[in-house]
Amino acid sequence: MTFWDHLEELRWVLFRIAGALLIFMIVSFSLMPYLFENFVLAPTDSNFFLYRWFCHVSGDNPLLPNFCNDDYHVDIININVASQFLTHITTSFWFAFVLSFPYIIFEVWKFIRPALYQNEKKSVGLAFASGTFMFFLGCAVGYTLVFPLTFRFLTEYQLSTSIVNQISLNSYMGNFLMMIFVMGIVFELPLLAWLLSQMGLVTKAFFRKYRKYAVVLLLVLAAVITPSGDPFTLTVVFLPLYLLYELSILFVKEEEKESESEEVSE
């Protein structure tokens, strides 16, 4: 194929991706009232499954945070005229992006596959598949664990009893989308480690050597994500991050052993 043939193929790839996004966006836009009520706003109520499960686990233990408050509910308010309409559109786009993400990856993979050698196709295809899975897994952890814990702590925190928390729609959606997509990106750490390993930039010895520093950094990151300060919440968020670090080591190559003797010059 000539250079212009490649450009033409890329143009059709982009058209197909845009078409898939548009279709999923229309579907998401149609279902958004239901999705918003039962999915997006679910962490604002005490009936959210994570709160119920933590209530069952913690019970009356004073050392653990109390998730058994059945009166917990946060009303999301709108202070801008067009916010609800714009949120409807933007949230539909992000739902469409997440739902069509596997197809987008497939189109990108199909475009670059002819340029790869036979031995590269399997490893790169596996990287695309695992990266997609880890992205969805990270988004799931962000929605089911990180965002609800952070949101509940921040909405229940009171500097003064005279101050009433009123959470705006824009503030809620900004934090909701940021937490979920940040966790989706964070879960790409094993794939990033594999890519750096293939480039010869990191080895297993590198990860093992700096493990104790990584633990400290991950603890700080978990503390930033969940500023509640209680050990239970910190541990719940820290453990997936640390497991990602250990998982990354499995994908990294061993350091090449130096040859015992120098090559004899001719």
Protein backbone atom coordinates (compact mmCIF):
# COMPACT_ATOMS: atom_id res chain seq x y z
CA MET A 1 0.00 0.00 0.00
CA THR A 2 1.15 3.53 -0.78
CA PHE A 3 1.23 6.38 1.72
CA TRP A 4 -2.08 7.71 0.38
CA ASP A 5 -3.64 4.24 0.61
CA HIS A 6 -2.69 4.14 4.31
CA LEU A 7 -4.25 7.57 4.81
CA GLU A 8 -7.43 6.40 3.10
CA GLU A 9 -7.56 3.31 5.32
CA LEU A 10 -6.99 5.47 8.41
CA ARG A 11 -9.80 7.77 7.31
CA TRP A 12 -12.22 4.81 7.15
CA VAL A 13 -11.01 3.58 10.54
CA LEU A 14 -11.80 6.99 12.04
CA PHE A 15 -15.20 7.02 10.30
CA ARG A 16 -16.10 3.61 11.70
CA ILE A 17 -14.98 4.63 15.20
CA ALA A 18 -16.99 7.85 14.98
CA GLY A 19 -20.00 5.87 13.74
CA ALA A 20 -19.76 3.42 16.65
CA LEU A 21 -19.45 6.31 19.11
CA LEU A 22 -22.49 8.00 17.58
CA ILE A 23 -24.62 4.84 17.78
CA PHE A 24 -23.67 4.15 21.40
CA MET A 25 -24.16 7.81 22.26
CA ILE A 26 -27.71 7.78 20.86
CA VAL A 27 -28.49 4.62 22.85
CA SER A 28 -26.93 6.09 26.00
CA PHE A 29 -28.78 9.38 25.51
CA SER A 30 -32.09 7.50 25.26
CA LEU A 31 -31.41 5.42 28.39
CA MET A 32 -29.68 8.18 30.38
CA PRO A 33 -32.63 9.06 32.70
CA TYR A 34 -32.70 5.44 33.88
CA LEU A 35 -28.88 5.10 33.98
CA PHE A 36 -28.51 8.37 35.85
CA GLU A 37 -31.06 7.47 38.48
CA ASN A 38 -29.98 3.86 39.08
CA PHE A 39 -26.26 3.95 38.28
CA VAL A 40 -24.70 7.42 38.36
CA LEU A 41 -26.57 8.65 41.45
CA ALA A 42 -26.55 5.29 43.26
CA PRO A 43 -23.60 6.24 45.58
CA THR A 44 -25.63 9.17 46.94
CA ASP A 45 -27.98 6.86 48.86
CA SER A 46 -27.51 4.52 51.82
CA ASN A 47 -28.90 1.61 49.77
CA PHE A 48 -25.79 1.53 47.58
CA PHE A 49 -24.54 -2.08 47.65
CA LEU A 50 -21.04 -1.15 48.91
CA TYR A 51 -22.45 0.70 51.93
CA ARG A 52 -24.74 -2.23 52.72
CA TRP A 53 -21.87 -4.70 52.48
CA PHE A 54 -19.52 -2.59 54.62
CA CYS A 55 -22.32 -2.22 57.17
CA HIS A 56 -22.61 -6.01 57.33
CA VAL A 57 -18.82 -6.40 57.68
CA SER A 58 -18.16 -3.62 60.17
CA GLY A 59 -21.22 -4.10 62.38
CA ASP A 60 -20.85 -2.16 65.64
CA ASN A 61 -17.05 -2.18 65.61
CA PRO A 62 -15.98 1.31 66.81
CA LEU A 63 -12.62 0.97 65.05
CA LEU A 64 -14.28 0.81 61.63
CA PRO A 65 -16.24 3.56 59.86
CA ASN A 66 -20.00 3.47 60.30
CA PHE A 67 -21.81 2.57 57.07
CA CYS A 68 -25.05 1.56 58.78
CA ASN A 69 -26.67 4.99 58.70
CA ASP A 70 -29.91 4.37 56.82
CA ASP A 71 -30.62 8.10 56.72
CA TYR A 72 -27.61 8.82 54.52
CA HIS A 73 -28.74 10.58 51.36
CA VAL A 74 -27.21 13.40 49.33
CA ASP A 75 -29.39 15.64 47.19
CA ILE A 76 -27.64 16.82 44.05
CA ILE A 77 -28.67 20.37 43.13
CA ASN A 78 -28.42 22.26 39.87
CA ILE A 79 -27.43 25.94 39.92
CA ASN A 80 -26.97 26.56 36.19
CA VAL A 81 -29.77 26.77 33.66
CA ALA A 82 -28.21 24.51 31.02
CA SER A 83 -26.30 22.09 33.31
CA GLN A 84 -28.81 19.25 33.23
CA PHE A 85 -29.02 19.28 29.43
CA LEU A 86 -25.23 19.54 29.00
CA THR A 87 -24.67 16.82 31.59
CA HIS A 88 -27.12 14.61 29.69
CA ILE A 89 -25.03 15.03 26.54
CA THR A 90 -21.55 14.74 28.08
CA THR A 91 -22.44 11.75 30.24
CA SER A 92 -23.96 10.04 27.19
CA PHE A 93 -20.66 10.58 25.36
CA TRP A 94 -18.57 9.08 28.18
CA PHE A 95 -20.88 6.09 28.47
CA ALA A 96 -20.63 5.65 24.70
CA PHE A 97 -16.84 5.87 24.86
CA VAL A 98 -16.62 3.20 27.56
CA LEU A 99 -19.08 0.88 25.81
CA SER A 100 -17.38 1.24 22.42
CA PHE A 101 -13.85 1.05 23.83
CA PRO A 102 -13.34 -2.63 22.83
CA TYR A 103 -14.44 -1.84 19.27
CA ILE A 104 -12.11 1.20 19.14
CA ILE A 105 -9.20 -0.98 20.27
CA PHE A 106 -10.15 -3.60 17.67
CA GLU A 107 -10.13 -1.00 14.87
CA VAL A 108 -6.74 0.36 15.98
CA TRP A 109 -5.37 -3.18 16.19
CA LYS A 110 -6.73 -4.06 12.74
CA PHE A 111 -5.08 -0.95 11.28
CA ILE A 112 -1.58 -1.56 12.69
CA ARG A 113 -1.59 -5.38 12.36
CA PRO A 114 -0.33 -5.51 8.73
CA ALA A 115 2.78 -3.55 9.76
CA LEU A 116 3.81 -6.14 12.36
CA TYR A 117 5.91 -9.25 11.98
CA GLN A 118 4.22 -12.58 12.64
CA ASN A 119 5.90 -13.01 16.03
CA GLU A 120 4.85 -9.47 17.05
CA LYS A 121 1.18 -9.88 16.18
CA LYS A 122 0.47 -12.30 19.02
CA SER A 123 2.20 -10.24 21.73
CA VAL A 124 0.75 -6.89 20.59
CA GLY A 125 -2.73 -8.40 20.20
CA LEU A 126 -2.49 -9.81 23.71
CA ALA A 127 -1.36 -6.39 24.97
CA PHE A 128 -4.41 -4.73 23.40
CA ALA A 129 -6.77 -7.33 24.85
CA SER A 130 -5.26 -7.24 28.35
CA GLY A 131 -5.10 -3.42 28.29
CA THR A 132 -8.81 -3.26 27.45
CA PHE A 133 -9.68 -5.71 30.23
CA MET A 134 -7.55 -3.84 32.78
CA PHE A 135 -9.14 -0.51 31.78
CA PHE A 136 -12.63 -1.87 32.40
CA LEU A 137 -11.49 -3.48 35.64
CA GLY A 138 -10.02 -0.17 36.80
CA CYS A 139 -13.23 1.69 35.94
CA ALA A 140 -15.22 -0.93 37.86
CA VAL A 141 -12.97 -0.52 40.92
CA GLY A 142 -13.31 3.25 40.63
CA TYR A 143 -17.10 3.07 40.56
CA THR A 144 -17.67 0.33 43.12
CA LEU A 145 -14.94 1.23 45.61
CA VAL A 146 -12.86 4.40 45.24
CA PHE A 147 -15.51 6.97 44.31
CA PRO A 148 -18.19 5.85 46.84
CA LEU A 149 -15.70 5.82 49.75
CA THR A 150 -14.29 9.23 48.84
CA PHE A 151 -17.69 10.75 48.15
CA ARG A 152 -19.28 9.50 51.36
CA PHE A 153 -16.42 10.76 53.51
CA LEU A 154 -16.38 14.21 51.91
CA THR A 155 -20.16 14.64 52.09
CA GLU A 156 -20.31 13.56 55.75
CA TYR A 157 -17.34 15.70 56.80
CA GLN A 158 -18.37 18.84 58.70
CA LEU A 159 -16.16 21.78 59.55
CA SER A 160 -19.09 23.32 61.40
CA THR A 161 -22.67 22.23 62.09
CA SER A 162 -23.79 25.61 60.77
CA ILE A 163 -22.60 24.67 57.28
CA VAL A 164 -24.95 22.61 55.11
CA ASN A 165 -23.45 20.58 52.29
CA GLN A 166 -25.16 21.21 48.97
CA ILE A 167 -23.46 19.30 46.17
CA SER A 168 -23.86 20.79 42.72
CA LEU A 169 -24.45 18.63 39.67
CA ASN A 170 -21.25 19.84 37.99
CA SER A 171 -19.16 19.11 41.08
CA TYR A 172 -20.62 15.62 41.45
CA MET A 173 -20.15 14.66 37.81
CA GLY A 174 -16.63 16.10 37.70
CA ASN A 175 -15.54 13.93 40.63
CA PHE A 176 -17.53 10.92 39.43
CA LEU A 177 -15.96 10.85 35.96
CA MET A 178 -12.48 11.78 37.17
CA MET A 179 -12.29 9.04 39.82
CA ILE A 180 -13.54 6.33 37.49
CA PHE A 181 -11.33 7.20 34.52
CA VAL A 182 -8.25 7.82 36.68
CA MET A 183 -8.63 4.31 38.11
CA GLY A 184 -9.07 2.94 34.58
CA ILE A 185 -5.76 4.55 33.61
CA VAL A 186 -4.01 3.47 36.83
CA PHE A 187 -4.94 -0.14 36.09
CA GLU A 188 -2.90 0.09 32.88
CA LEU A 189 0.27 -0.06 35.02
CA PRO A 190 1.01 -3.73 34.17
CA LEU A 191 0.70 -2.95 30.45
CA LEU A 192 2.97 0.08 30.82
CA ALA A 193 5.50 -2.04 32.71
CA TRP A 194 5.42 -4.64 29.93
CA LEU A 195 5.97 -1.99 27.24
CA LEU A 196 8.90 -0.45 29.15
CA SER A 197 10.32 -3.92 29.63
CA GLN A 198 10.12 -4.63 25.89
CA MET A 199 12.04 -1.40 25.30
CA GLY A 200 14.70 -2.53 27.76
CA LEU A 201 14.05 0.31 30.21
CA VAL A 202 12.95 -1.75 33.25
CA THR A 203 13.52 -5.27 34.57
CA LYS A 204 12.18 -7.44 37.38
CA ALA A 205 15.23 -6.49 39.44
CA PHE A 206 14.26 -2.80 39.08
CA PHE A 207 10.76 -3.38 40.46
CA ARG A 208 12.04 -5.58 43.28
CA LYS A 209 14.75 -3.10 44.23
CA TYR A 210 12.33 -0.18 44.55
CA ARG A 211 9.41 -2.16 46.02
CA LYS A 212 9.64 -0.49 49.46
CA TYR A 213 9.63 2.98 47.88
CA ALA A 214 6.68 1.96 45.72
CA VAL A 215 4.76 0.85 48.83
CA VAL A 216 5.24 4.30 50.39
CA LEU A 217 4.17 6.08 47.19
CA LEU A 218 1.11 3.85 46.82
CA LEU A 219 0.14 4.52 50.44
CA VAL A 220 0.39 8.25 49.78
CA LEU A 221 -1.67 7.85 46.60
CA ALA A 222 -4.31 5.85 48.47
CA ALA A 223 -4.39 8.50 51.21
CA VAL A 224 -4.90 11.24 48.59
CA ILE A 225 -7.67 9.29 46.84
CA THR A 226 -9.47 8.55 50.12
CA PRO A 227 -8.77 11.38 52.58
CA SER A 228 -10.88 9.83 55.34
CA GLY A 229 -7.77 8.80 57.29
CA ASP A 230 -9.22 5.64 58.83
CA PRO A 231 -7.05 2.49 58.36
CA PHE A 232 -9.92 0.40 56.98
CA THR A 233 -10.70 2.67 54.02
CA LEU A 234 -7.01 3.30 53.36
CA THR A 235 -6.32 -0.44 53.25
CA VAL A 236 -9.28 -1.15 50.97
CA VAL A 237 -7.95 1.33 48.38
CA PHE A 238 -4.24 0.53 48.88
CA LEU A 239 -4.53 -3.23 48.33
CA PRO A 240 -5.67 -3.08 44.64
CA LEU A 241 -2.90 -0.58 43.89
CA TYR A 242 -0.25 -2.75 45.52
CA LEU A 243 -1.54 -5.88 43.75
CA LEU A 244 -1.19 -3.98 40.47
CA TYR A 245 2.46 -3.31 41.29
CA GLU A 246 3.09 -6.99 42.03
CA LEU A 247 1.20 -7.98 38.89
CA SER A 248 3.42 -5.65 36.87
CA ILE A 249 6.48 -7.61 38.00
CA LEU A 250 5.06 -10.75 36.36
CA PHE A 251 4.90 -8.99 32.98
CA VAL A 252 8.45 -7.65 33.12
CA LYS A 253 11.39 -9.52 31.65
CA GLU A 254 14.26 -10.83 33.72
CA GLU A 255 17.51 -8.91 33.45
CA GLU A 256 19.71 -10.35 30.75
CA LYS A 257 22.74 -12.09 32.18
CA GLU A 258 26.05 -10.78 31.09
CA SER A 259 28.08 -13.20 29.11
CA GLU A 260 30.73 -14.93 31.15
CA SER A 261 33.42 -14.40 28.58
CA GLU A 262 33.96 -11.77 25.97
CA GLU A 263 33.44 -12.70 22.38
CA VAL A 264 36.72 -13.70 20.79
CA SER A 265 37.74 -11.23 18.12
CA GLU A 266 38.56 -12.61 14.80
